[in-house]
Structure formats: structure tokens, C-alpha cells
N, C-alpha and C. Protein backbone atom coordinates (compact mmCIF):
# COMPACT_ATOMS: atom_id res chain seq x y z
N MET A 1 0.85 -1.33 -0.14
CA MET A 1 0.07 0.00 0.02
C MET A 1 0.81 1.12 0.12
N LEU A 2 0.48 2.15 -0.65
CA LEU A 2 1.20 3.86 -0.88
C LEU A 2 0.69 4.50 0.11
N ILE A 3 1.32 5.48 0.84
CA ILE A 3 0.88 6.36 1.66
C ILE A 3 1.34 7.67 1.34
N MET A 4 0.74 9.02 1.53
CA MET A 4 1.49 10.05 1.42
C MET A 4 1.48 10.68 2.78
N ILE A 5 2.97 11.20 2.67
CA ILE A 5 3.43 11.99 3.87
C ILE A 5 3.52 13.46 3.82
N ARG A 6 2.47 14.44 4.27
CA ARG A 6 2.71 15.82 4.36
C ARG A 6 3.32 16.38 5.56
N ALA A 7 4.46 17.08 5.15
CA ALA A 7 5.21 17.41 6.47
C ALA A 7 5.15 19.04 6.30
N ILE A 8 4.64 19.73 7.23
CA ILE A 8 4.71 21.12 7.35
C ILE A 8 5.76 21.48 8.28
N ILE A 9 6.75 22.33 7.63
CA ILE A 9 8.17 22.58 8.59
C ILE A 9 8.29 23.93 8.48
N ARG A 10 9.16 24.30 9.15
CA ARG A 10 10.02 25.48 9.18
C ARG A 10 10.83 25.84 7.90
N PRO A 11 10.75 27.01 7.15
CA PRO A 11 11.43 27.28 5.96
C PRO A 11 12.70 26.68 6.00
N GLU A 12 13.40 27.38 7.20
CA GLU A 12 14.71 27.21 7.37
C GLU A 12 15.25 25.83 7.45
N LYS A 13 14.35 24.83 7.69
CA LYS A 13 14.87 23.41 8.03
C LYS A 13 14.53 22.79 6.57
N ALA A 14 14.02 23.14 5.59
CA ALA A 14 13.51 22.39 4.36
C ALA A 14 14.91 21.90 3.67
N ASP A 15 15.76 22.46 3.44
CA ASP A 15 16.88 21.91 2.70
C ASP A 15 17.59 20.90 3.58
N ALA A 16 17.75 20.92 4.70
CA ALA A 16 18.23 19.94 5.60
C ALA A 16 17.20 18.53 5.62
N VAL A 17 16.06 18.77 5.60
CA VAL A 17 15.14 17.46 5.63
C VAL A 17 15.38 16.87 4.23
N LEU A 18 15.10 17.87 2.97
CA LEU A 18 15.35 17.21 1.76
C LEU A 18 16.51 16.49 1.75
N ALA A 19 17.84 17.07 2.01
CA ALA A 19 18.99 16.38 2.02
C ALA A 19 18.98 14.84 2.96
N ALA A 20 18.08 15.04 3.99
CA ALA A 20 18.52 13.92 5.02
C ALA A 20 17.63 12.68 4.07
N LEU A 21 16.17 13.12 3.49
CA LEU A 21 15.26 12.38 2.78
C LEU A 21 16.16 11.42 1.47
N MET A 22 16.87 12.37 0.82
CA MET A 22 17.69 11.97 -0.40
C MET A 22 18.73 10.97 0.22
N ASP A 23 19.67 11.33 1.37
CA ASP A 23 20.28 10.49 1.81
C ASP A 23 19.79 9.13 2.13
N ALA A 24 18.47 9.22 2.53
CA ALA A 24 18.10 7.95 3.11
C ALA A 24 17.32 6.98 1.99
N GLY A 25 17.53 7.53 0.63
CA GLY A 25 16.74 6.90 -0.38
C GLY A 25 15.61 7.30 -0.87
N PHE A 26 14.99 8.37 -0.35
CA PHE A 26 13.84 8.75 -0.63
C PHE A 26 13.96 10.39 -1.21
N PRO A 27 14.18 10.10 -2.32
CA PRO A 27 14.59 11.65 -3.51
C PRO A 27 12.97 12.15 -4.02
N ALA A 28 12.39 11.39 -4.15
CA ALA A 28 10.93 12.05 -4.56
C ALA A 28 10.05 12.69 -3.62
N VAL A 29 10.13 13.99 -3.72
CA VAL A 29 9.64 14.82 -2.69
C VAL A 29 9.24 16.15 -3.57
N THR A 30 7.78 16.64 -3.12
CA THR A 30 7.32 17.87 -3.89
C THR A 30 7.42 18.93 -2.51
N LYS A 31 8.07 20.23 -2.83
CA LYS A 31 8.15 21.15 -1.97
C LYS A 31 7.29 22.64 -2.30
N TYR A 32 6.63 22.93 -1.33
CA TYR A 32 5.80 24.32 -1.78
C TYR A 32 5.77 25.14 -0.38
N SER A 33 5.81 26.45 -0.85
CA SER A 33 5.69 27.40 0.53
C SER A 33 3.99 27.55 0.67
N VAL A 34 4.05 27.59 2.07
CA VAL A 34 2.70 27.63 2.65
C VAL A 34 2.63 28.70 3.51
N ALA A 35 1.54 29.03 4.04
CA ALA A 35 1.42 29.80 5.36
C ALA A 35 0.21 29.62 6.16
N GLY A 36 0.30 29.85 7.22
CA GLY A 36 -0.70 29.35 8.10
C GLY A 36 -0.28 29.38 9.72
N ARG A 37 -1.35 28.95 10.56
CA ARG A 37 -0.84 28.84 11.89
C ARG A 37 -1.46 27.47 12.62
N GLY A 38 -0.56 27.25 13.30
CA GLY A 38 -1.03 25.91 14.39
C GLY A 38 -1.73 26.65 15.68
N LYS A 39 -1.46 25.54 16.69
CA LYS A 39 -2.03 25.59 18.01
C LYS A 39 -1.53 27.09 18.49
N GLN A 40 -0.35 27.68 18.21
CA GLN A 40 0.22 28.91 18.79
C GLN A 40 -0.69 30.04 18.31
N ARG A 41 -1.48 29.87 17.48
CA ARG A 41 -2.21 30.93 16.78
C ARG A 41 -1.60 32.21 16.38
N GLY A 42 -0.48 31.85 15.79
CA GLY A 42 0.53 32.97 15.23
C GLY A 42 1.50 33.56 16.09
N ILE A 43 2.28 34.67 15.93
CA ILE A 43 3.06 35.16 16.85
C ILE A 43 2.78 36.55 17.01
N LYS A 44 2.73 36.86 18.36
CA LYS A 44 2.58 38.27 18.44
C LYS A 44 3.85 39.09 18.94
N ILE A 45 4.10 40.35 18.07
CA ILE A 45 5.35 41.00 18.46
C ILE A 45 4.98 42.14 18.70
N GLY A 46 5.06 42.78 20.10
CA GLY A 46 4.57 44.17 20.31
C GLY A 46 2.99 44.13 20.17
N GLU A 47 2.50 45.01 19.54
CA GLU A 47 1.12 44.98 19.33
C GLU A 47 0.63 44.42 18.20
N VAL A 48 1.56 43.88 17.33
CA VAL A 48 0.95 43.23 16.19
C VAL A 48 1.22 41.87 16.12
N THR A 49 0.10 41.31 15.58
CA THR A 49 -0.04 39.70 15.72
C THR A 49 0.07 39.27 14.30
N TYR A 50 0.86 38.29 14.03
CA TYR A 50 1.21 37.80 12.70
C TYR A 50 0.31 36.16 12.60
N ASP A 51 -0.83 36.53 12.25
CA ASP A 51 -1.37 34.97 12.15
C ASP A 51 -1.17 34.09 10.97
N GLU A 52 -0.41 34.51 9.82
CA GLU A 52 -0.22 33.59 8.88
C GLU A 52 1.43 33.43 8.79
N ILE A 53 1.84 32.38 9.42
CA ILE A 53 3.22 32.26 9.50
C ILE A 53 3.83 31.45 8.20
N PRO A 54 4.98 31.84 7.57
CA PRO A 54 5.44 31.21 6.49
C PRO A 54 5.93 29.73 6.91
N LYS A 55 5.55 28.71 6.31
CA LYS A 55 6.01 27.52 6.32
C LYS A 55 6.05 26.80 5.13
N THR A 56 7.19 25.55 5.07
CA THR A 56 7.23 24.72 4.09
C THR A 56 6.58 23.68 4.17
N MET A 57 5.78 23.16 2.83
CA MET A 57 5.25 21.83 3.03
C MET A 57 5.87 20.79 1.98
N LEU A 58 6.26 19.90 2.55
CA LEU A 58 7.02 18.55 1.78
C LEU A 58 5.91 17.66 1.78
N MET A 59 6.11 17.04 0.45
CA MET A 59 4.72 15.68 0.29
C MET A 59 5.66 14.76 -0.65
N SER A 60 5.22 13.77 0.05
CA SER A 60 6.01 12.36 -0.48
C SER A 60 5.08 11.27 -0.53
N VAL A 61 5.11 10.53 -1.63
CA VAL A 61 4.27 9.28 -1.43
C VAL A 61 5.45 7.94 -1.48
N ILE A 62 5.29 7.29 -0.34
CA ILE A 62 6.05 6.20 -0.23
C ILE A 62 5.22 4.81 0.06
N ASN A 63 6.00 3.88 0.07
CA ASN A 63 5.52 2.23 0.47
C ASN A 63 5.14 2.44 1.98
N GLU A 64 4.26 1.88 2.44
CA GLU A 64 3.63 1.70 3.83
C GLU A 64 4.95 1.34 4.89
N GLU A 65 5.48 0.53 4.44
CA GLU A 65 6.61 -0.18 5.24
C GLU A 65 7.55 0.68 5.57
N ASP A 66 7.83 1.93 4.65
CA ASP A 66 8.93 2.90 4.85
C ASP A 66 8.30 4.10 5.89
N LYS A 67 6.86 4.05 6.32
CA LYS A 67 6.48 5.18 7.13
C LYS A 67 7.10 5.72 8.31
N GLU A 68 7.57 4.74 9.12
CA GLU A 68 8.18 5.11 10.45
C GLU A 68 9.49 5.59 10.15
N PHE A 69 10.19 5.18 9.25
CA PHE A 69 11.75 5.61 8.99
C PHE A 69 11.49 6.81 8.31
N VAL A 70 10.68 7.18 7.23
CA VAL A 70 10.61 8.36 6.80
C VAL A 70 10.15 9.50 7.84
N ILE A 71 8.97 9.17 8.47
CA ILE A 71 8.76 10.02 9.54
C ILE A 71 9.80 10.45 10.66
N ASN A 72 10.31 9.52 11.15
CA ASN A 72 11.62 9.90 11.96
C ASN A 72 12.64 10.48 11.54
N THR A 73 13.11 10.16 10.07
CA THR A 73 13.91 10.84 9.50
C THR A 73 13.57 12.76 9.43
N ILE A 74 12.17 13.01 9.21
CA ILE A 74 11.67 14.10 9.10
C ILE A 74 11.88 14.86 10.28
N ILE A 75 11.08 14.22 11.30
CA ILE A 75 11.12 14.80 12.82
C ILE A 75 12.43 15.27 13.60
N ASN A 76 13.52 14.11 13.28
CA ASN A 76 14.89 14.28 13.78
C ASN A 76 15.67 15.58 12.91
N THR A 77 15.17 15.76 11.65
CA THR A 77 15.91 16.99 11.15
C THR A 77 15.34 18.06 11.18
N ALA A 78 13.74 18.21 11.32
CA ALA A 78 13.02 19.37 11.35
C ALA A 78 13.01 20.13 12.68
N ARG A 79 13.18 19.11 13.88
CA ARG A 79 13.00 19.50 14.96
C ARG A 79 13.97 20.65 15.42
N SER A 80 13.85 21.68 16.05
CA SER A 80 14.51 22.69 16.74
C SER A 80 15.14 22.38 18.24
N GLY A 81 16.47 22.08 17.99
CA GLY A 81 17.08 21.59 19.32
C GLY A 81 16.75 20.23 19.50
N ALA A 82 17.05 19.68 20.94
CA ALA A 82 16.91 18.55 21.52
C ALA A 82 15.62 18.30 21.62
N LYS A 83 14.74 19.16 22.06
CA LYS A 83 13.39 18.93 22.71
C LYS A 83 12.22 19.53 21.50
N GLY A 84 12.64 20.33 20.60
CA GLY A 84 11.73 21.08 19.89
C GLY A 84 11.17 22.05 20.34
N ALA A 85 10.36 22.81 19.41
CA ALA A 85 9.94 24.17 19.90
C ALA A 85 8.58 24.16 19.34
N PHE A 86 7.68 25.31 19.61
CA PHE A 86 6.44 25.55 19.28
C PHE A 86 6.67 26.06 17.55
N GLY A 87 5.85 25.49 16.69
CA GLY A 87 6.14 26.02 15.42
C GLY A 87 7.04 25.23 14.58
N ASP A 88 7.59 24.05 15.21
CA ASP A 88 8.40 23.23 14.38
C ASP A 88 7.71 22.46 13.16
N GLY A 89 6.41 22.22 13.47
CA GLY A 89 5.70 21.83 12.24
C GLY A 89 4.86 20.83 12.71
N LYS A 90 4.09 20.02 11.82
CA LYS A 90 3.21 18.93 11.87
C LYS A 90 3.35 17.68 10.84
N ILE A 91 3.04 16.57 10.98
CA ILE A 91 3.12 15.51 9.68
C ILE A 91 1.72 14.85 9.63
N PHE A 92 1.27 14.90 8.55
CA PHE A 92 0.06 14.37 8.32
C PHE A 92 0.30 12.90 7.28
N VAL A 93 -0.15 11.95 7.65
CA VAL A 93 -0.31 10.57 6.90
C VAL A 93 -1.53 10.15 6.36
N SER A 94 -1.64 9.75 5.08
CA SER A 94 -2.85 9.31 4.64
C SER A 94 -2.68 8.33 3.54
N ASP A 95 -3.64 7.49 3.45
CA ASP A 95 -3.43 6.23 2.49
C ASP A 95 -3.59 6.85 1.03
N VAL A 96 -2.91 6.40 -0.16
CA VAL A 96 -3.09 6.53 -1.23
C VAL A 96 -3.66 5.36 -1.96
N GLU A 97 -4.61 5.63 -2.72
CA GLU A 97 -5.36 4.42 -3.35
C GLU A 97 -4.60 4.02 -4.43
N CYS A 98 -4.08 4.79 -5.40
CA CYS A 98 -3.26 4.47 -6.41
C CYS A 98 -2.55 5.61 -7.02
N ALA A 99 -1.49 5.52 -7.79
CA ALA A 99 -0.53 6.77 -8.35
C ALA A 99 -0.74 6.32 -9.87
N TYR A 100 -0.38 7.24 -10.81
CA TYR A 100 -0.33 6.95 -12.29
C TYR A 100 1.04 7.88 -12.50
N THR A 101 2.12 7.34 -13.14
CA THR A 101 2.81 7.83 -13.87
C THR A 101 2.56 8.49 -15.15
N ILE A 102 2.47 9.63 -15.30
CA ILE A 102 1.69 10.49 -16.26
C ILE A 102 2.54 9.92 -17.90
N SER A 103 4.05 10.02 -17.76
CA SER A 103 4.66 9.55 -19.03
C SER A 103 4.43 8.34 -19.63
N SER A 104 4.37 7.38 -18.66
CA SER A 104 4.03 5.90 -19.29
C SER A 104 2.57 5.36 -19.04
N GLY A 105 1.91 6.00 -18.19
CA GLY A 105 0.42 5.68 -17.92
C GLY A 105 0.59 4.37 -16.82
N VAL A 106 1.86 4.02 -16.12
CA VAL A 106 1.69 2.88 -15.38
C VAL A 106 1.21 3.31 -13.91
N LYS A 107 0.39 2.25 -13.67
CA LYS A 107 -0.25 2.44 -12.43
C LYS A 107 0.50 1.88 -11.10
N GLU A 108 0.46 2.40 -10.22
CA GLU A 108 1.00 1.82 -9.01
C GLU A 108 0.05 1.68 -7.75
N GLY A 109 0.01 1.00 -6.91
CA GLY A 109 -1.07 0.58 -5.86
C GLY A 109 -1.01 -0.56 -5.39
N ALA A 110 -1.86 -0.83 -4.35
CA ALA A 110 -2.18 -1.96 -3.81
C ALA A 110 -2.85 -2.99 -4.58
N GLU A 111 -3.83 -2.77 -5.35
CA GLU A 111 -4.50 -3.49 -6.37
C GLU A 111 -3.79 -4.04 -7.52
N VAL A 112 -2.61 -3.25 -8.04
CA VAL A 112 -1.75 -3.72 -8.92
C VAL A 112 -1.01 -5.06 -8.59
N ALA A 113 -0.52 -5.13 -7.24
CA ALA A 113 0.21 -6.29 -6.89
C ALA A 113 -0.70 -7.69 -7.08
N ALA A 114 -2.07 -7.40 -6.74
CA ALA A 114 -2.68 -8.59 -6.54
C ALA A 114 -2.90 -9.40 -8.13
């Protein structure tokens, strides 16, 4: 079965996470800039509240058996310091029914192996 990992991380950690995933054998990642807020509800500096914080989203589709390894690689690379900090990000995991390679039309997914 295929799964999709979506990691929302600090922008300054993106290159390190991408390099760690590449070194671990997971080069297929889509990266894009996003903005939003988590539980911290933004950042207040003086009288100004910034409620949309710049983040980077990394998205990758992997085999389910690699899930824990990839998640741990992202966490260990994206975490601020040994204990982490508010705003380090979030990882979302979801099932992928199937995937198609556009150039070849090849279908990947659980039902293909059967």
C-alpha cells in the first residue's frame, strides 16, 4: 500500500530535511511554500499579531513499510534543538489508493500487486 506524507515545517529546515530524505533513499519529494498557523495562533510581536506564519510543505508518496523510517527522518531533521519548539511543524499521513506515472501511464497501488 502507498501512503502520502505531508510535512509542514519551518522554511529554514527544508533543505536539511530534503538532504536527509535524499541520503536515506527517498528523493521523490514535492516542496512548496505555504502560510498558516497552528495551536500557537500566530506570533505576537509588540502590538502586532502575525497570524499567517510562512512554512514549507513537503509531500512524498512512499510504501507503507517505510512510513516510520521516513517520519522519524523528518522529525529528527526538522526539530529545533533536542526537545523541539512550538512552530516546528506537523506531519500528516494518509492512504493513497493508487498513483499513475503520466509519461508511461503505469499505475502503482495495492490492487496492482494482486
